[in-house]
Amino acid sequence: MKKQLSDEFEMKDLGAANKILGMKITRDRSVGKLFLSQQAYVEKVLKLFNINNAKPVTISFAAHFKLSADMSPKTDEEMEHKSSVPYSSVVGSIMYAMVYTRPNISHAVSVGQDE
């Protein structure tokens, strides 16, 4: 394919791609698989919104799970923290990761948007 493209277009072979659109590319040629990672993007988003010290957890939301007012911040400290985070920007940034490499978080993101 590279030969065909170079016959039609002036191009320079830079070797195997390591990144595309900010996503890290990893290959496992022995099993014919290609992996995309947005770890650097997610870390950048966490740092941008000052939530990079948050404790990571593994959680699966049941389809019937809904957020409620009872789950809202109650203490002054919790309220202050919540008001310092631009919620719609955080959700939008997470949705970017969801669309490209993390479809497994789509339910959790959609539940968070319904609040």
PDB file of N, CA and C in Angstrom:
ATOM      1  N   MET A   1       0.827  -1.178   0.000  1.00  0.00           N
ATOM      2  CA  MET A   1       0.000   0.000   0.000  1.00  0.00           C
ATOM      3  C   MET A   1       0.884   1.258   0.000  1.00  0.00           C
ATOM      4  N   LYS A   2       1.968   1.203   0.803  1.00  0.00           N
ATOM      5  CA  LYS A   2       2.874   2.347   0.822  1.00  0.00           C
ATOM      6  C   LYS A   2       3.450   2.601  -0.568  1.00  0.00           C
ATOM      7  N   LYS A   3       3.777   1.531  -1.266  1.00  0.00           N
ATOM      8  CA  LYS A   3       4.348   1.658  -2.618  1.00  0.00           C
ATOM      9  C   LYS A   3       3.346   2.332  -3.550  1.00  0.00           C
ATOM     10  N   GLN A   4       2.103   1.895  -3.490  1.00  0.00           N
ATOM     11  CA  GLN A   4       1.062   2.486  -4.341  1.00  0.00           C
ATOM     12  C   GLN A   4       0.875   3.965  -4.023  1.00  0.00           C
ATOM     13  N   LEU A   5       0.842   4.299  -2.745  1.00  0.00           N
ATOM     14  CA  LEU A   5       0.671   5.699  -2.357  1.00  0.00           C
ATOM     15  C   LEU A   5       1.857   6.541  -2.811  1.00  0.00           C
ATOM     16  N   SER A   6       3.078   6.006  -2.643  1.00  0.00           N
ATOM     17  CA  SER A   6       4.257   6.776  -3.038  1.00  0.00           C
ATOM     18  C   SER A   6       4.351   6.927  -4.555  1.00  0.00           C
ATOM     19  N   ASP A   7       3.741   6.001  -5.312  1.00  0.00           N
ATOM     20  CA  ASP A   7       3.695   6.137  -6.765  1.00  0.00           C
ATOM     21  C   ASP A   7       2.779   7.294  -7.180  1.00  0.00           C
ATOM     22  N   GLU A   8       1.751   7.539  -6.395  1.00  0.00           N
ATOM     23  CA  GLU A   8       0.764   8.577  -6.717  1.00  0.00           C
ATOM     24  C   GLU A   8       1.063   9.926  -6.065  1.00  0.00           C
ATOM     25  N   PHE A   9       1.685   9.882  -4.890  1.00  0.00           N
ATOM     26  CA  PHE A   9       1.890  11.109  -4.125  1.00  0.00           C
ATOM     27  C   PHE A   9       3.336  11.206  -3.674  1.00  0.00           C
ATOM     28  N   GLU A  10       3.788  12.442  -3.530  1.00  0.00           N
ATOM     29  CA  GLU A  10       5.113  12.642  -2.978  1.00  0.00           C
ATOM     30  C   GLU A  10       5.004  12.432  -1.467  1.00  0.00           C
ATOM     31  N   MET A  11       5.753  11.489  -0.968  1.00  0.00           N
ATOM     32  CA  MET A  11       5.661  11.194   0.456  1.00  0.00           C
ATOM     33  C   MET A  11       6.974  10.658   0.988  1.00  0.00           C
ATOM     34  N   LYS A  12       7.083  10.701   2.297  1.00  0.00           N
ATOM     35  CA  LYS A  12       8.278  10.227   2.984  1.00  0.00           C
ATOM     36  C   LYS A  12       7.836   9.168   3.987  1.00  0.00           C
ATOM     37  N   ASP A  13       8.477   8.020   3.984  1.00  0.00           N
ATOM     38  CA  ASP A  13       8.140   6.944   4.918  1.00  0.00           C
ATOM     39  C   ASP A  13       8.801   7.226   6.263  1.00  0.00           C
ATOM     40  N   LEU A  14       8.007   7.505   7.269  1.00  0.00           N
ATOM     41  CA  LEU A  14       8.519   7.795   8.608  1.00  0.00           C
ATOM     42  C   LEU A  14       8.487   6.569   9.508  1.00  0.00           C
ATOM     43  N   GLY A  15       8.194   5.412   8.955  1.00  0.00           N
ATOM     44  CA  GLY A  15       8.137   4.185   9.744  1.00  0.00           C
ATOM     45  C   GLY A  15       6.757   3.976  10.340  1.00  0.00           C
ATOM     46  N   ALA A  16       6.696   3.056  11.262  1.00  0.00           N
ATOM     47  CA  ALA A  16       5.413   2.722  11.887  1.00  0.00           C
ATOM     48  C   ALA A  16       4.930   3.894  12.745  1.00  0.00           C
ATOM     49  N   ALA A  17       3.635   4.156  12.688  1.00  0.00           N
ATOM     50  CA  ALA A  17       3.042   5.232  13.478  1.00  0.00           C
ATOM     51  C   ALA A  17       3.002   4.834  14.951  1.00  0.00           C
ATOM     52  N   ASN A  18       3.321   5.778  15.825  1.00  0.00           N
ATOM     53  CA  ASN A  18       3.248   5.546  17.264  1.00  0.00           C
ATOM     54  C   ASN A  18       2.065   6.270  17.895  1.00  0.00           C
ATOM     55  N   LYS A  19       1.615   7.339  17.231  1.00  0.00           N
ATOM     56  CA  LYS A  19       0.502   8.146  17.731  1.00  0.00           C
ATOM     57  C   LYS A  19      -0.345   8.624  16.569  1.00  0.00           C
ATOM     58  N   ILE A  20      -1.636   8.775  16.851  1.00  0.00           N
ATOM     59  CA  ILE A  20      -2.543   9.392  15.888  1.00  0.00           C
ATOM     60  C   ILE A  20      -3.620  10.115  16.685  1.00  0.00           C
ATOM     61  N   LEU A  21      -3.823  11.381  16.365  1.00  0.00           N
ATOM     62  CA  LEU A  21      -4.820  12.205  17.050  1.00  0.00           C
ATOM     63  C   LEU A  21      -4.672  12.132  18.571  1.00  0.00           C
ATOM     64  N   GLY A  22      -3.422  12.081  19.031  1.00  0.00           N
ATOM     65  CA  GLY A  22      -3.157  12.046  20.466  1.00  0.00           C
ATOM     66  C   GLY A  22      -3.314  10.676  21.101  1.00  0.00           C
ATOM     67  N   MET A  23      -3.674   9.680  20.320  1.00  0.00           N
ATOM     68  CA  MET A  23      -3.843   8.323  20.853  1.00  0.00           C
ATOM     69  C   MET A  23      -2.575   7.517  20.596  1.00  0.00           C
ATOM     70  N   LYS A  24      -2.110   6.802  21.598  1.00  0.00           N
ATOM     71  CA  LYS A  24      -0.931   5.945  21.462  1.00  0.00           C
ATOM     72  C   LYS A  24      -1.336   4.674  20.725  1.00  0.00           C
ATOM     73  N   ILE A  25      -0.511   4.275  19.779  1.00  0.00           N
ATOM     74  CA  ILE A  25      -0.765   3.070  18.990  1.00  0.00           C
ATOM     75  C   ILE A  25       0.206   1.983  19.432  1.00  0.00           C
ATOM     76  N   THR A  26      -0.337   0.819  19.765  1.00  0.00           N
ATOM     77  CA  THR A  26       0.477  -0.337  20.119  1.00  0.00           C
ATOM     78  C   THR A  26       0.023  -1.495  19.245  1.00  0.00           C
ATOM     79  N   ARG A  27       0.975  -2.244  18.745  1.00  0.00           N
ATOM     80  CA  ARG A  27       0.653  -3.387  17.889  1.00  0.00           C
ATOM     81  C   ARG A  27       1.134  -4.682  18.522  1.00  0.00           C
ATOM     82  N   ASP A  28       0.357  -5.726  18.323  1.00  0.00           N
ATOM     83  CA  ASP A  28       0.799  -7.074  18.667  1.00  0.00           C
ATOM     84  C   ASP A  28       0.679  -7.872  17.377  1.00  0.00           C
ATOM     85  N   ARG A  29       1.740  -7.834  16.611  1.00  0.00           N
ATOM     86  CA  ARG A  29       1.723  -8.463  15.282  1.00  0.00           C
ATOM     87  C   ARG A  29       1.548  -9.986  15.362  1.00  0.00           C
ATOM     88  N   SER A  30       1.963 -10.588  16.471  1.00  0.00           N
ATOM     89  CA  SER A  30       1.861 -12.050  16.595  1.00  0.00           C
ATOM     90  C   SER A  30       0.396 -12.510  16.573  1.00  0.00           C
ATOM     91  N   VAL A  31      -0.505 -11.684  17.042  1.00  0.00           N
ATOM     92  CA  VAL A  31      -1.929 -12.043  17.026  1.00  0.00           C
ATOM     93  C   VAL A  31      -2.731 -11.131  16.108  1.00  0.00           C
ATOM     94  N   GLY A  32      -2.032 -10.217  15.415  1.00  0.00           N
ATOM     95  CA  GLY A  32      -2.690  -9.341  14.453  1.00  0.00           C
ATOM     96  C   GLY A  32      -3.634  -8.331  15.090  1.00  0.00           C
ATOM     97  N   LYS A  33      -3.209  -7.757  16.222  1.00  0.00           N
ATOM     98  CA  LYS A  33      -4.070  -6.792  16.906  1.00  0.00           C
ATOM     99  C   LYS A  33      -3.399  -5.436  17.005  1.00  0.00           C
ATOM    100  N   LEU A  34      -4.235  -4.414  16.985  1.00  0.00           N
ATOM    101  CA  LEU A  34      -3.814  -3.035  17.109  1.00  0.00           C
ATOM    102  C   LEU A  34      -4.570  -2.430  18.285  1.00  0.00           C
ATOM    103  N   PHE A  35      -3.868  -1.718  19.153  1.00  0.00           N
ATOM    104  CA  PHE A  35      -4.500  -1.131  20.332  1.00  0.00           C
ATOM    105  C   PHE A  35      -4.310   0.380  20.317  1.00  0.00           C
ATOM    106  N   LEU A  36      -5.340   1.104  20.714  1.00  0.00           N
ATOM    107  CA  LEU A  36      -5.273   2.552  20.861  1.00  0.00           C
ATOM    108  C   LEU A  36      -5.450   2.887  22.330  1.00  0.00           C
ATOM    109  N   SER A  37      -4.656   3.824  22.824  1.00  0.00           N
ATOM    110  CA  SER A  37      -4.733   4.215  24.226  1.00  0.00           C
ATOM    111  C   SER A  37      -4.831   5.730  24.331  1.00  0.00           C
ATOM    112  N   GLN A  38      -5.727   6.190  25.188  1.00  0.00           N
ATOM    113  CA  GLN A  38      -5.846   7.622  25.461  1.00  0.00           C
ATOM    114  C   GLN A  38      -5.423   7.920  26.904  1.00  0.00           C
ATOM    115  N   GLN A  39      -4.543   7.116  27.464  1.00  0.00           N
ATOM    116  CA  GLN A  39      -4.116   7.307  28.840  1.00  0.00           C
ATOM    117  C   GLN A  39      -3.551   8.708  29.055  1.00  0.00           C
ATOM    118  N   ALA A  40      -2.689   9.173  28.144  1.00  0.00           N
ATOM    119  CA  ALA A  40      -2.100  10.508  28.301  1.00  0.00           C
ATOM    120  C   ALA A  40      -3.188  11.576  28.258  1.00  0.00           C
ATOM    121  N   TYR A  41      -4.185  11.396  27.379  1.00  0.00           N
ATOM    122  CA  TYR A  41      -5.295  12.362  27.288  1.00  0.00           C
ATOM    123  C   TYR A  41      -6.090  12.387  28.590  1.00  0.00           C
ATOM    124  N   VAL A  42      -6.415  11.222  29.120  1.00  0.00           N
ATOM    125  CA  VAL A  42      -7.200  11.144  30.356  1.00  0.00           C
ATOM    126  C   VAL A  42      -6.422  11.773  31.513  1.00  0.00           C
ATOM    127  N   GLU A  43      -5.123  11.504  31.586  1.00  0.00           N
ATOM    128  CA  GLU A  43      -4.306  12.106  32.641  1.00  0.00           C
ATOM    129  C   GLU A  43      -4.277  13.629  32.503  1.00  0.00           C
ATOM    130  N   LYS A  44      -4.213  14.116  31.268  1.00  0.00           N
ATOM    131  CA  LYS A  44      -4.228  15.567  31.016  1.00  0.00           C
ATOM    132  C   LYS A  44      -5.561  16.180  31.463  1.00  0.00           C
ATOM    133  N   VAL A  45      -6.665  15.508  31.174  1.00  0.00           N
ATOM    134  CA  VAL A  45      -7.992  15.995  31.584  1.00  0.00           C
ATOM    135  C   VAL A  45      -8.098  16.021  33.104  1.00  0.00           C
ATOM    136  N   LEU A  46      -7.653  14.965  33.760  1.00  0.00           N
ATOM    137  CA  LEU A  46      -7.699  14.918  35.215  1.00  0.00           C
ATOM    138  C   LEU A  46      -6.905  16.067  35.827  1.00  0.00           C
ATOM    139  N   LYS A  47      -5.729  16.315  35.265  1.00  0.00           N
ATOM    140  CA  LYS A  47      -4.899  17.413  35.776  1.00  0.00           C
ATOM    141  C   LYS A  47      -5.555  18.762  35.490  1.00  0.00           C
ATOM    142  N   LEU A  48      -6.107  18.930  34.299  1.00  0.00           N
ATOM    143  CA  LEU A  48      -6.755  20.185  33.905  1.00  0.00           C
ATOM    144  C   LEU A  48      -7.877  20.567  34.865  1.00  0.00           C
ATOM    145  N   PHE A  49      -8.656  19.590  35.288  1.00  0.00           N
ATOM    146  CA  PHE A  49      -9.787  19.854  36.172  1.00  0.00           C
ATOM    147  C   PHE A  49      -9.441  19.619  37.643  1.00  0.00           C
ATOM    148  N   ASN A  50      -8.149  19.493  37.919  1.00  0.00           N
ATOM    149  CA  ASN A  50      -7.638  19.344  39.280  1.00  0.00           C
ATOM    150  C   ASN A  50      -8.281  18.173  40.025  1.00  0.00           C
ATOM    151  N   ILE A  51      -8.447  17.079  39.298  1.00  0.00           N
ATOM    152  CA  ILE A  51      -8.971  15.867  39.933  1.00  0.00           C
ATOM    153  C   ILE A  51      -8.011  14.694  39.716  1.00  0.00           C
ATOM    154  N   ASN A  52      -6.737  15.044  39.469  1.00  0.00           N
ATOM    155  CA  ASN A  52      -5.738  14.010  39.212  1.00  0.00           C
ATOM    156  C   ASN A  52      -5.336  13.256  40.471  1.00  0.00           C
ATOM    157  N   ASN A  53      -5.722  13.739  41.640  1.00  0.00           N
ATOM    158  CA  ASN A  53      -5.432  13.010  42.874  1.00  0.00           C
ATOM    159  C   ASN A  53      -6.615  12.162  43.324  1.00  0.00           C
ATOM    160  N   ALA A  54      -7.645  12.088  42.496  1.00  0.00           N
ATOM    161  CA  ALA A  54      -8.818  11.282  42.837  1.00  0.00           C
ATOM    162  C   ALA A  54      -8.425   9.812  42.889  1.00  0.00           C
ATOM    163  N   LYS A  55      -9.060   9.086  43.767  1.00  0.00           N
ATOM    164  CA  LYS A  55      -8.770   7.665  43.924  1.00  0.00           C
ATOM    165  C   LYS A  55      -9.469   6.894  42.793  1.00  0.00           C
ATOM    166  N   PRO A  56      -8.722   6.146  41.999  1.00  0.00           N
ATOM    167  CA  PRO A  56      -9.359   5.367  40.933  1.00  0.00           C
ATOM    168  C   PRO A  56     -10.142   4.191  41.508  1.00  0.00           C
ATOM    169  N   VAL A  57     -11.281   3.915  40.927  1.00  0.00           N
ATOM    170  CA  VAL A  57     -12.093   2.775  41.349  1.00  0.00           C
ATOM    171  C   VAL A  57     -12.624   2.066  40.117  1.00  0.00           C
ATOM    172  N   THR A  58     -12.894   0.804  40.258  1.00  0.00           N
ATOM    173  CA  THR A  58     -13.544   0.035  39.212  1.00  0.00           C
ATOM    174  C   THR A  58     -14.988  -0.138  39.639  1.00  0.00           C
ATOM    175  N   ILE A  59     -15.885   0.279  38.776  1.00  0.00           N
ATOM    176  CA  ILE A  59     -17.297   0.257  39.137  1.00  0.00           C
ATOM    177  C   ILE A  59     -18.123  -0.013  37.886  1.00  0.00           C
ATOM    178  N   SER A  60     -19.120  -0.831  38.027  1.00  0.00           N
ATOM    179  CA  SER A  60     -20.057  -1.078  36.933  1.00  0.00           C
ATOM    180  C   SER A  60     -21.410  -0.550  37.364  1.00  0.00           C
ATOM    181  N   PHE A  61     -21.987   0.281  36.535  1.00  0.00           N
ATOM    182  CA  PHE A  61     -23.311   0.801  36.822  1.00  0.00           C
ATOM    183  C   PHE A  61     -24.355  -0.159  36.272  1.00  0.00           C
ATOM    184  N   ALA A  62     -25.340  -0.449  37.071  1.00  0.00           N
ATOM    185  CA  ALA A  62     -26.464  -1.237  36.584  1.00  0.00           C
ATOM    186  C   ALA A  62     -27.305  -0.327  35.690  1.00  0.00           C
ATOM    187  N   ALA A  63     -28.005  -0.902  34.740  1.00  0.00           N
ATOM    188  CA  ALA A  63     -28.794  -0.115  33.797  1.00  0.00           C
ATOM    189  C   ALA A  63     -29.851   0.737  34.494  1.00  0.00           C
ATOM    190  N   HIS A  64     -30.315   0.310  35.650  1.00  0.00           N
ATOM    191  CA  HIS A  64     -31.362   1.047  36.360  1.00  0.00           C
ATOM    192  C   HIS A  64     -30.810   2.133  37.277  1.00  0.00           C
ATOM    193  N   PHE A  65     -29.481   2.269  37.364  1.00  0.00           N
ATOM    194  CA  PHE A  65     -28.862   3.225  38.277  1.00  0.00           C
ATOM    195  C   PHE A  65     -29.197   4.651  37.857  1.00  0.00           C
ATOM    196  N   LYS A  66     -29.591   5.476  38.800  1.00  0.00           N
ATOM    197  CA  LYS A  66     -29.870   6.888  38.553  1.00  0.00           C
ATOM    198  C   LYS A  66     -29.246   7.715  39.670  1.00  0.00           C
ATOM    199  N   LEU A  67     -28.761   8.878  39.317  1.00  0.00           N
ATOM    200  CA  LEU A  67     -28.256   9.797  40.331  1.00  0.00           C
ATOM    201  C   LEU A  67     -29.442  10.510  40.969  1.00  0.00           C
ATOM    202  N   SER A  68     -29.296  10.857  42.231  1.00  0.00           N
ATOM    203  CA  SER A  68     -30.380  11.558  42.917  1.00  0.00           C
ATOM    204  C   SER A  68     -29.813  12.697  43.743  1.00  0.00           C
ATOM    205  N   ALA A  69     -30.692  13.570  44.224  1.00  0.00           N
ATOM    206  CA  ALA A  69     -30.289  14.701  45.054  1.00  0.00           C
ATOM    207  C   ALA A  69     -29.631  14.225  46.344  1.00  0.00           C
ATOM    208  N   ASP A  70     -29.997  13.028  46.805  1.00  0.00           N
ATOM    209  CA  ASP A  70     -29.385  12.490  48.032  1.00  0.00           C
ATOM    210  C   ASP A  70     -27.876  12.280  47.879  1.00  0.00           C
ATOM    211  N   MET A  71     -27.425  12.150  46.636  1.00  0.00           N
ATOM    212  CA  MET A  71     -26.008  11.915  46.382  1.00  0.00           C
ATOM    213  C   MET A  71     -25.231  13.223  46.236  1.00  0.00           C
ATOM    214  N   SER A  72     -25.923  14.348  46.275  1.00  0.00           N
ATOM    215  CA  SER A  72     -25.275  15.651  46.109  1.00  0.00           C
ATOM    216  C   SER A  72     -24.399  15.983  47.307  1.00  0.00           C
ATOM    217  N   PRO A  73     -23.433  16.876  47.079  1.00  0.00           N
ATOM    218  CA  PRO A  73     -22.567  17.295  48.189  1.00  0.00           C
ATOM    219  C   PRO A  73     -23.386  17.891  49.333  1.00  0.00           C
ATOM    220  N   LYS A  74     -22.965  17.585  50.545  1.00  0.00           N
ATOM    221  CA  LYS A  74     -23.713  18.063  51.710  1.00  0.00           C
ATOM    222  C   LYS A  74     -22.904  19.039  52.558  1.00  0.00           C
ATOM    223  N   THR A  75     -21.615  18.811  52.701  1.00  0.00           N
ATOM    224  CA  THR A  75     -20.805  19.691  53.543  1.00  0.00           C
ATOM    225  C   THR A  75     -20.353  20.905  52.732  1.00  0.00           C
ATOM    226  N   ASP A  76     -19.944  21.949  53.439  1.00  0.00           N
ATOM    227  CA  ASP A  76     -19.438  23.150  52.770  1.00  0.00           C
ATOM    228  C   ASP A  76     -18.222  22.822  51.916  1.00  0.00           C
ATOM    229  N   GLU A  77     -17.372  21.944  52.427  1.00  0.00           N
ATOM    230  CA  GLU A  77     -16.171  21.552  51.683  1.00  0.00           C
ATOM    231  C   GLU A  77     -16.543  20.829  50.387  1.00  0.00           C
ATOM    232  N   GLU A  78     -17.508  19.920  50.453  1.00  0.00           N
ATOM    233  CA  GLU A  78     -17.966  19.209  49.253  1.00  0.00           C
ATOM    234  C   GLU A  78     -18.597  20.176  48.254  1.00  0.00           C
ATOM    235  N   MET A  79     -19.376  21.131  48.752  1.00  0.00           N
ATOM    236  CA  MET A  79     -20.019  22.121  47.875  1.00  0.00           C
ATOM    237  C   MET A  79     -18.970  23.001  47.190  1.00  0.00           C
ATOM    238  N   GLU A  80     -17.975  23.409  47.966  1.00  0.00           N
ATOM    239  CA  GLU A  80     -16.913  24.250  47.401  1.00  0.00           C
ATOM    240  C   GLU A  80     -16.167  23.508  46.307  1.00  0.00           C
ATOM    241  N   HIS A  81     -15.855  22.222  46.558  1.00  0.00           N
ATOM    242  CA  HIS A  81     -15.152  21.422  45.545  1.00  0.00           C
ATOM    243  C   HIS A  81     -16.010  21.275  44.287  1.00  0.00           C
ATOM    244  N   LYS A  82     -17.286  20.980  44.452  1.00  0.00           N
ATOM    245  CA  LYS A  82     -18.171  20.792  43.299  1.00  0.00           C
ATOM    246  C   LYS A  82     -18.262  22.073  42.470  1.00  0.00           C
ATOM    247  N   SER A  83     -18.351  23.222  43.135  1.00  0.00           N
ATOM    248  CA  SER A  83     -18.486  24.478  42.401  1.00  0.00           C
ATOM    249  C   SER A  83     -17.207  24.856  41.663  1.00  0.00           C
ATOM    250  N   SER A  84     -16.076  24.268  42.056  1.00  0.00           N
ATOM    251  CA  SER A  84     -14.815  24.592  41.389  1.00  0.00           C
ATOM    252  C   SER A  84     -14.581  23.752  40.131  1.00  0.00           C
ATOM    253  N   VAL A  85     -15.428  22.768  39.882  1.00  0.00           N
ATOM    254  CA  VAL A  85     -15.253  21.891  38.725  1.00  0.00           C
ATOM    255  C   VAL A  85     -16.279  22.262  37.647  1.00  0.00           C
ATOM    256  N   PRO A  86     -15.816  22.664  36.458  1.00  0.00           N
ATOM    257  CA  PRO A  86     -16.753  22.985  35.367  1.00  0.00           C
ATOM    258  C   PRO A  86     -17.368  21.691  34.812  1.00  0.00           C
ATOM    259  N   TYR A  87     -18.491  21.308  35.395  1.00  0.00           N
ATOM    260  CA  TYR A  87     -19.112  20.010  35.165  1.00  0.00           C
ATOM    261  C   TYR A  87     -19.295  19.665  33.684  1.00  0.00           C
ATOM    262  N   SER A  88     -19.874  20.571  32.902  1.00  0.00           N
ATOM    263  CA  SER A  88     -20.140  20.233  31.495  1.00  0.00           C
ATOM    264  C   SER A  88     -18.846  20.034  30.711  1.00  0.00           C
ATOM    265  N   SER A  89     -17.799  20.763  31.069  1.00  0.00           N
ATOM    266  CA  SER A  89     -16.509  20.572  30.398  1.00  0.00           C
ATOM    267  C   SER A  89     -15.898  19.225  30.752  1.00  0.00           C
ATOM    268  N   VAL A  90     -16.047  18.823  32.003  1.00  0.00           N
ATOM    269  CA  VAL A  90     -15.527  17.518  32.427  1.00  0.00           C
ATOM    270  C   VAL A  90     -16.253  16.407  31.672  1.00  0.00           C
ATOM    271  N   VAL A  91     -17.584  16.467  31.631  1.00  0.00           N
ATOM    272  CA  VAL A  91     -18.363  15.433  30.939  1.00  0.00           C
ATOM    273  C   VAL A  91     -18.006  15.405  29.458  1.00  0.00           C
ATOM    274  N   GLY A  92     -17.877  16.575  28.841  1.00  0.00           N
ATOM    275  CA  GLY A  92     -17.502  16.630  27.422  1.00  0.00           C
ATOM    276  C   GLY A  92     -16.145  16.011  27.164  1.00  0.00           C
ATOM    277  N   SER A  93     -15.204  16.269  28.043  1.00  0.00           N
ATOM    278  CA  SER A  93     -13.863  15.698  27.897  1.00  0.00           C
ATOM    279  C   SER A  93     -13.891  14.183  28.051  1.00  0.00           C
ATOM    280  N   ILE A  94     -14.682  13.698  28.994  1.00  0.00           N
ATOM    281  CA  ILE A  94     -14.812  12.252  29.182  1.00  0.00           C
ATOM    282  C   ILE A  94     -15.509  11.620  27.983  1.00  0.00           C
ATOM    283  N   MET A  95     -16.485  12.331  27.421  1.00  0.00           N
ATOM    284  CA  MET A  95     -17.194  11.799  26.243  1.00  0.00           C
ATOM    285  C   MET A  95     -16.247  11.628  25.058  1.00  0.00           C
ATOM    286  N   TYR A  96     -15.279  12.513  24.913  1.00  0.00           N
ATOM    287  CA  TYR A  96     -14.300  12.382  23.832  1.00  0.00           C
ATOM    288  C   TYR A  96     -13.571  11.046  23.958  1.00  0.00           C
ATOM    289  N   ALA A  97     -13.111  10.730  25.164  1.00  0.00           N
ATOM    290  CA  ALA A  97     -12.423   9.455  25.386  1.00  0.00           C
ATOM    291  C   ALA A  97     -13.380   8.292  25.141  1.00  0.00           C
ATOM    292  N   MET A  98     -14.627   8.449  25.581  1.00  0.00           N
ATOM    293  CA  MET A  98     -15.628   7.395  25.427  1.00  0.00           C
ATOM    294  C   MET A  98     -15.862   7.071  23.947  1.00  0.00           C
ATOM    295  N   VAL A  99     -15.999   8.083  23.131  1.00  0.00           N
ATOM    296  CA  VAL A  99     -16.310   7.883  21.713  1.00  0.00           C
ATOM    297  C   VAL A  99     -15.185   7.171  20.977  1.00  0.00           C
ATOM    298  N   TYR A 100     -13.937   7.524  21.297  1.00  0.00           N
ATOM    299  CA  TYR A 100     -12.827   6.977  20.519  1.00  0.00           C
ATOM    300  C   TYR A 100     -12.228   5.690  21.049  1.00  0.00           C
ATOM    301  N   THR A 101     -12.060   5.546  22.349  1.00  0.00           N
ATOM    302  CA  THR A 101     -11.382   4.335  22.832  1.00  0.00           C
ATOM    303  C   THR A 101     -12.015   3.706  24.054  1.00  0.00           C
ATOM    304  N   ARG A 102     -13.025   4.319  24.650  1.00  0.00           N
ATOM    305  CA  ARG A 102     -13.587   3.778  25.885  1.00  0.00           C
ATOM    306  C   ARG A 102     -15.109   3.636  25.822  1.00  0.00           C
ATOM    307  N   PRO A 103     -15.636   2.869  24.871  1.00  0.00           N
ATOM    308  CA  PRO A 103     -17.091   2.713  24.810  1.00  0.00           C
ATOM    309  C   PRO A 103     -17.661   2.052  26.064  1.00  0.00           C
ATOM    310  N   ASN A 104     -16.814   1.374  26.839  1.00  0.00           N
ATOM    311  CA  ASN A 104     -17.277   0.707  28.058  1.00  0.00           C
ATOM    312  C   ASN A 104     -17.729   1.686  29.138  1.00  0.00           C
ATOM    313  N   ILE A 105     -17.390   2.962  29.025  1.00  0.00           N
ATOM    314  CA  ILE A 105     -17.818   3.938  30.036  1.00  0.00           C
ATOM    315  C   ILE A 105     -19.050   4.723  29.604  1.00  0.00           C
ATOM    316  N   SER A 106     -19.635   4.378  28.452  1.00  0.00           N
ATOM    317  CA  SER A 106     -20.745   5.167  27.919  1.00  0.00           C
ATOM    318  C   SER A 106     -21.954   5.203  28.848  1.00  0.00           C
ATOM    319  N   HIS A 107     -22.284   4.104  29.503  1.00  0.00           N
ATOM    320  CA  HIS A 107     -23.438   4.114  30.392  1.00  0.00           C
ATOM    321  C   HIS A 107     -23.199   5.027  31.587  1.00  0.00           C
ATOM    322  N   ALA A 108     -22.018   4.942  32.183  1.00  0.00           N
ATOM    323  CA  ALA A 108     -21.710   5.797  33.336  1.00  0.00           C
ATOM    324  C   ALA A 108     -21.735   7.279  32.945  1.00  0.00           C
ATOM    325  N   VAL A 109     -21.226   7.599  31.760  1.00  0.00           N
ATOM    326  CA  VAL A 109     -21.238   8.989  31.312  1.00  0.00           C
ATOM    327  C   VAL A 109     -22.657   9.464  31.053  1.00  0.00           C
ATOM    328  N   SER A 110     -23.492   8.609  30.461  1.00  0.00           N
ATOM    329  CA  SER A 110     -24.874   9.024  30.188  1.00  0.00           C
ATOM    330  C   SER A 110     -25.672   9.199  31.470  1.00  0.00           C
ATOM    331  N   VAL A 111     -25.411   8.389  32.489  1.00  0.00           N
ATOM    332  CA  VAL A 111     -26.076   8.541  33.777  1.00  0.00           C
ATOM    333  C   VAL A 111     -25.669   9.875  34.405  1.00  0.00           C
ATOM    334  N   GLY A 112     -24.399  10.206  34.310  1.00  0.00           N
ATOM    335  CA  GLY A 112     -23.904  11.458  34.862  1.00  0.00           C
ATOM    336  C   GLY A 112     -24.506  12.675  34.178  1.00  0.00           C
ATOM    337  N   GLN A 113     -24.833  12.554  32.886  1.00  0.00           N
ATOM    338  CA  GLN A 113     -25.427  13.678  32.148  1.00  0.00           C
ATOM    339  C   GLN A 113     -26.877  13.889  32.533  1.00  0.00           C
ATOM    340  N   ASP A 114     -27.554  12.854  32.950  1.00  0.00           N
ATOM    341  CA  ASP A 114     -28.982  12.971  33.246  1.00  0.00           C
ATOM    342  C   ASP A 114     -29.252  13.691  34.546  1.00  0.00           C
ATOM    343  N   GLU A 115     -28.208  13.858  35.377  1.00  0.00           N
ATOM    344  CA  GLU A 115     -28.435  14.449  36.705  1.00  0.00           C
ATOM    345  C   GLU A 115     -29.048  15.828  36.597  1.00  0.00           C
TER     346      GLU A 115
END
